[in-house]
Structure formats: C-alpha cells, structure tokens
N, C-alpha and C. Protein backbone atom coordinates (compact mmCIF):
# COMPACT_ATOMS: atom_id res chain seq x y z
N MET A 1 34.73 25.97 20.70
CA MET A 1 35.03 27.19 19.97
C MET A 1 35.07 28.34 20.97
N THR A 2 36.17 29.06 20.99
CA THR A 2 36.29 30.22 21.86
C THR A 2 35.98 31.47 21.04
N GLU A 3 35.09 32.29 21.56
CA GLU A 3 34.70 33.51 20.86
C GLU A 3 35.30 34.72 21.56
N LYS A 4 35.67 35.70 20.77
CA LYS A 4 36.20 36.98 21.25
C LYS A 4 35.37 38.08 20.63
N PHE A 5 35.16 39.16 21.37
CA PHE A 5 34.41 40.30 20.87
C PHE A 5 35.32 41.52 20.86
N ARG A 6 35.22 42.30 19.78
CA ARG A 6 36.01 43.52 19.64
C ARG A 6 35.08 44.64 19.19
N GLY A 7 35.28 45.82 19.75
CA GLY A 7 34.50 46.99 19.37
C GLY A 7 35.31 47.91 18.46
N PHE A 8 34.63 48.45 17.46
CA PHE A 8 35.26 49.39 16.52
C PHE A 8 34.39 50.63 16.45
N PRO A 9 35.00 51.82 16.57
CA PRO A 9 34.21 53.06 16.57
C PRO A 9 33.45 53.26 15.26
N GLY A 10 32.34 53.97 15.37
CA GLY A 10 31.49 54.22 14.23
C GLY A 10 31.97 55.34 13.32
N ASN A 11 33.11 55.94 13.64
CA ASN A 11 33.62 57.02 12.79
C ASN A 11 34.61 56.52 11.73
N LEU A 12 34.90 55.21 11.73
CA LEU A 12 35.85 54.67 10.76
C LEU A 12 35.28 54.69 9.35
N THR A 13 36.17 54.84 8.37
CA THR A 13 35.76 54.69 6.98
C THR A 13 35.60 53.19 6.70
N LEU A 14 35.02 52.87 5.58
CA LEU A 14 34.87 51.46 5.19
C LEU A 14 36.24 50.79 5.11
N THR A 15 37.19 51.46 4.51
CA THR A 15 38.55 50.91 4.39
C THR A 15 39.18 50.71 5.76
N ASP A 16 39.00 51.67 6.67
CA ASP A 16 39.58 51.55 8.01
C ASP A 16 38.93 50.42 8.81
N LEU A 17 37.62 50.24 8.66
CA LEU A 17 36.94 49.14 9.34
C LEU A 17 37.46 47.81 8.81
N GLN A 18 37.57 47.68 7.51
CA GLN A 18 38.10 46.45 6.91
C GLN A 18 39.52 46.18 7.41
N THR A 19 40.36 47.20 7.45
CA THR A 19 41.73 47.05 7.92
C THR A 19 41.76 46.64 9.39
N SER A 20 40.88 47.21 10.20
CA SER A 20 40.82 46.86 11.63
C SER A 20 40.43 45.41 11.82
N ILE A 21 39.46 44.94 11.05
CA ILE A 21 39.05 43.53 11.13
C ILE A 21 40.19 42.63 10.67
N ARG A 22 40.86 43.00 9.59
CA ARG A 22 42.00 42.21 9.10
C ARG A 22 43.12 42.15 10.15
N PHE A 23 43.33 43.24 10.86
CA PHE A 23 44.35 43.29 11.90
C PHE A 23 44.02 42.27 13.00
N GLU A 24 42.76 42.21 13.41
CA GLU A 24 42.35 41.24 14.43
C GLU A 24 42.54 39.81 13.92
N GLU A 25 42.17 39.58 12.65
CA GLU A 25 42.30 38.25 12.08
C GLU A 25 43.76 37.83 11.93
N ALA A 26 44.66 38.77 11.75
CA ALA A 26 46.08 38.46 11.66
C ALA A 26 46.61 37.89 12.98
N GLY A 27 45.86 38.13 14.05
CA GLY A 27 46.23 37.60 15.36
C GLY A 27 45.62 36.25 15.66
N GLY A 28 45.09 35.57 14.62
CA GLY A 28 44.55 34.23 14.83
C GLY A 28 43.07 34.18 15.14
N LEU A 29 42.34 35.23 14.75
CA LEU A 29 40.89 35.26 14.93
C LEU A 29 40.21 35.20 13.57
N GLU A 30 38.95 34.75 13.53
CA GLU A 30 38.17 34.71 12.30
C GLU A 30 36.83 35.37 12.55
N LEU A 31 36.49 36.37 11.75
CA LEU A 31 35.24 37.10 11.91
C LEU A 31 34.04 36.18 11.71
N LEU A 32 33.08 36.27 12.63
CA LEU A 32 31.84 35.51 12.54
C LEU A 32 30.62 36.40 12.30
N ASP A 33 30.61 37.60 12.90
CA ASP A 33 29.42 38.44 12.84
C ASP A 33 29.77 39.85 13.32
N CYS A 34 28.95 40.83 12.91
CA CYS A 34 29.07 42.21 13.39
C CYS A 34 27.67 42.73 13.71
N VAL A 35 27.57 43.49 14.78
CA VAL A 35 26.32 44.15 15.14
C VAL A 35 26.62 45.56 15.61
N VAL A 36 25.60 46.39 15.63
CA VAL A 36 25.75 47.74 16.15
C VAL A 36 25.25 47.77 17.59
N ALA A 37 26.01 48.42 18.44
CA ALA A 37 25.64 48.63 19.84
C ALA A 37 25.95 50.08 20.17
N THR A 38 25.79 50.46 21.42
CA THR A 38 26.16 51.82 21.83
C THR A 38 27.19 51.74 22.95
N ASP A 39 28.06 52.74 22.98
CA ASP A 39 29.07 52.79 24.02
C ASP A 39 28.51 53.52 25.25
N LYS A 40 29.36 53.79 26.22
CA LYS A 40 28.93 54.45 27.46
C LYS A 40 28.36 55.85 27.21
N SER A 41 28.77 56.47 26.12
CA SER A 41 28.28 57.81 25.77
C SER A 41 27.07 57.74 24.85
N ASN A 42 26.52 56.55 24.69
CA ASN A 42 25.35 56.33 23.83
C ASN A 42 25.65 56.59 22.35
N GLN A 43 26.91 56.42 21.96
CA GLN A 43 27.32 56.57 20.57
C GLN A 43 27.36 55.19 19.91
N PRO A 44 26.88 55.06 18.67
CA PRO A 44 26.90 53.75 18.02
C PRO A 44 28.33 53.28 17.71
N ILE A 45 28.56 52.01 17.99
CA ILE A 45 29.84 51.37 17.69
C ILE A 45 29.55 50.00 17.05
N ASN A 46 30.55 49.46 16.40
CA ASN A 46 30.43 48.13 15.79
C ASN A 46 31.06 47.11 16.73
N ILE A 47 30.29 46.10 17.06
CA ILE A 47 30.81 44.99 17.87
C ILE A 47 30.92 43.79 16.95
N CYS A 48 32.14 43.28 16.81
CA CYS A 48 32.37 42.14 15.94
C CYS A 48 32.74 40.92 16.78
N LYS A 49 32.15 39.80 16.40
CA LYS A 49 32.40 38.53 17.08
C LYS A 49 33.38 37.72 16.23
N PHE A 50 34.42 37.23 16.89
CA PHE A 50 35.46 36.45 16.23
C PHE A 50 35.57 35.08 16.89
N ASN A 51 35.96 34.10 16.09
CA ASN A 51 36.29 32.78 16.58
C ASN A 51 37.80 32.70 16.73
N LEU A 52 38.27 32.18 17.85
CA LEU A 52 39.70 31.99 18.06
C LEU A 52 40.15 30.75 17.30
N LEU A 53 41.10 30.92 16.39
CA LEU A 53 41.59 29.80 15.58
C LEU A 53 42.73 29.08 16.29
N ASN A 54 43.04 27.90 15.80
CA ASN A 54 44.17 27.15 16.33
C ASN A 54 45.47 27.87 16.00
N PRO A 55 46.50 27.70 16.83
CA PRO A 55 47.78 28.36 16.56
C PRO A 55 48.27 28.08 15.14
N GLY A 56 48.70 29.14 14.46
CA GLY A 56 49.21 29.03 13.11
C GLY A 56 48.15 29.08 12.02
N GLU A 57 46.87 29.10 12.40
CA GLU A 57 45.79 29.20 11.41
C GLU A 57 45.39 30.66 11.24
N PHE A 58 45.15 31.05 9.98
CA PHE A 58 44.73 32.41 9.67
C PHE A 58 43.71 32.35 8.55
N PRO A 59 42.63 33.12 8.63
CA PRO A 59 41.64 33.12 7.56
C PRO A 59 42.13 33.92 6.36
N LYS A 60 41.54 33.66 5.22
CA LYS A 60 41.81 34.51 4.05
C LYS A 60 41.28 35.90 4.34
N HIS A 61 41.81 36.92 3.68
CA HIS A 61 41.43 38.30 3.97
C HIS A 61 39.94 38.55 3.77
N ILE A 62 39.39 39.31 4.68
CA ILE A 62 38.00 39.74 4.60
C ILE A 62 37.90 40.91 3.63
N VAL A 63 36.80 40.99 2.90
CA VAL A 63 36.56 42.10 1.97
C VAL A 63 35.16 42.64 2.27
N LEU A 64 35.07 43.94 2.55
CA LEU A 64 33.79 44.58 2.86
C LEU A 64 33.39 45.50 1.71
N VAL A 65 32.14 45.41 1.29
CA VAL A 65 31.61 46.30 0.26
C VAL A 65 30.20 46.73 0.65
N ASN A 66 29.79 47.87 0.14
CA ASN A 66 28.42 48.32 0.38
C ASN A 66 27.44 47.31 -0.20
N ASN A 67 26.38 47.07 0.53
CA ASN A 67 25.34 46.13 0.11
C ASN A 67 24.83 46.51 -1.27
N GLY A 68 24.70 45.51 -2.13
CA GLY A 68 24.21 45.74 -3.48
C GLY A 68 25.30 46.03 -4.49
N SER A 69 26.53 46.25 -4.01
CA SER A 69 27.65 46.45 -4.94
C SER A 69 27.98 45.12 -5.60
N PRO A 70 28.60 45.16 -6.78
CA PRO A 70 29.00 43.91 -7.42
C PRO A 70 29.95 43.12 -6.52
N LYS A 71 29.90 41.81 -6.64
CA LYS A 71 30.81 40.94 -5.89
C LYS A 71 32.23 41.27 -6.29
N PRO A 72 33.11 41.52 -5.33
CA PRO A 72 34.50 41.84 -5.66
C PRO A 72 35.20 40.68 -6.36
N ALA A 73 36.12 41.02 -7.23
CA ALA A 73 36.91 40.00 -7.93
C ALA A 73 37.72 39.20 -6.91
N ASN A 74 37.95 37.95 -7.23
CA ASN A 74 38.79 37.07 -6.41
C ASN A 74 38.24 36.86 -5.00
N THR A 75 36.92 36.82 -4.88
CA THR A 75 36.30 36.52 -3.59
C THR A 75 35.35 35.34 -3.76
N GLY A 76 35.09 34.67 -2.65
CA GLY A 76 34.15 33.56 -2.64
C GLY A 76 32.72 34.05 -2.51
N ASN A 77 31.85 33.15 -2.11
CA ASN A 77 30.44 33.49 -1.93
C ASN A 77 30.26 34.49 -0.79
N LEU A 78 29.16 35.19 -0.84
CA LEU A 78 28.79 36.12 0.22
C LEU A 78 28.73 35.37 1.55
N MET A 79 29.45 35.87 2.55
CA MET A 79 29.43 35.26 3.88
C MET A 79 28.16 35.67 4.62
N PHE A 80 27.95 36.99 4.69
CA PHE A 80 26.76 37.55 5.33
C PHE A 80 26.69 39.03 5.03
N SER A 81 25.53 39.61 5.30
CA SER A 81 25.33 41.06 5.20
C SER A 81 24.89 41.53 6.58
N ASP A 82 25.38 42.69 6.99
CA ASP A 82 25.02 43.25 8.30
C ASP A 82 24.98 44.76 8.22
N VAL A 83 24.19 45.33 9.10
CA VAL A 83 24.17 46.78 9.27
C VAL A 83 25.26 47.14 10.27
N VAL A 84 26.14 48.04 9.87
CA VAL A 84 27.21 48.54 10.73
C VAL A 84 27.22 50.07 10.64
N VAL A 85 28.08 50.69 11.44
CA VAL A 85 28.21 52.14 11.40
C VAL A 85 29.53 52.48 10.73
N VAL A 86 29.44 53.21 9.61
CA VAL A 86 30.61 53.65 8.85
C VAL A 86 30.51 55.16 8.70
N GLU A 87 31.55 55.86 9.14
CA GLU A 87 31.57 57.33 9.09
C GLU A 87 30.29 57.93 9.68
N HIS A 88 29.90 57.40 10.84
CA HIS A 88 28.75 57.87 11.63
C HIS A 88 27.41 57.60 10.95
N GLN A 89 27.37 56.77 9.92
CA GLN A 89 26.12 56.46 9.21
C GLN A 89 25.85 54.95 9.29
N PHE A 90 24.58 54.61 9.57
CA PHE A 90 24.21 53.20 9.52
C PHE A 90 24.26 52.75 8.07
N THR A 91 24.99 51.68 7.81
CA THR A 91 25.26 51.22 6.46
C THR A 91 25.18 49.70 6.42
N THR A 92 24.53 49.16 5.39
CA THR A 92 24.51 47.72 5.22
C THR A 92 25.69 47.31 4.35
N LEU A 93 26.48 46.39 4.88
CA LEU A 93 27.67 45.92 4.17
C LEU A 93 27.54 44.44 3.85
N ASP A 94 28.18 44.04 2.75
CA ASP A 94 28.32 42.63 2.40
C ASP A 94 29.74 42.21 2.75
N PHE A 95 29.88 41.02 3.33
CA PHE A 95 31.16 40.50 3.80
C PHE A 95 31.55 39.30 2.94
N TYR A 96 32.74 39.38 2.35
CA TYR A 96 33.29 38.31 1.52
C TYR A 96 34.67 37.94 2.03
N ARG A 97 35.19 36.83 1.53
CA ARG A 97 36.58 36.44 1.78
C ARG A 97 37.28 36.27 0.45
N GLU A 98 38.56 36.68 0.41
CA GLU A 98 39.37 36.44 -0.78
C GLU A 98 39.51 34.94 -1.01
N THR A 99 39.66 34.57 -2.25
CA THR A 99 39.84 33.13 -2.56
C THR A 99 41.30 32.79 -2.76
C-alpha cells in the first residue's frame, strides 16, 4: 500500500475541506486519516493521509459533518472521527462515505 500525505490550510470552510479531499480522491487516492499539525509559521493545518488506489479505482464520495450531527442520508457507517481545523477553529468531524 502506497501512502500519500496532503496538507490543507486551517482557514477552509467545512464544505471547502470536503471538496479538497474529494478532489484528491478523484485522482485515485482514498482518505485514511486526518490530523492537525503546524506549518512553518506555526499555524495549524490539516494533514490527511491517503492510500494510492489501483489505476481506474475511485472511492465513493467522502462526506464530512460536525461530530454529533445526525448521520447524513445515503451514507454508510461512520468511518472515523478526527479533530481538524475548520475556519481557524479546532473542530471534531465525523467522516462518512456515500453508499
């Protein structure tokens, strides 16, 4: 399994973070995990770990919601919950996949 890491700024909205992750997955990657780190300026950023998929394979769309929100319609089981930075605030999100 080949892993790739991508950083996303902490100023993104929830929708923009979800779109950014979906963009990476459209290139044949599958999200495995997200953590908060700091950049060279000591600003919090989101570091997401992706698995490189076989050519032509693509995961179902990722869906991000605030922790504790109802499970979105047309999604599978909760994949994981993580603390990330959304709009400069530490936020716990739940990660789902569309079915």
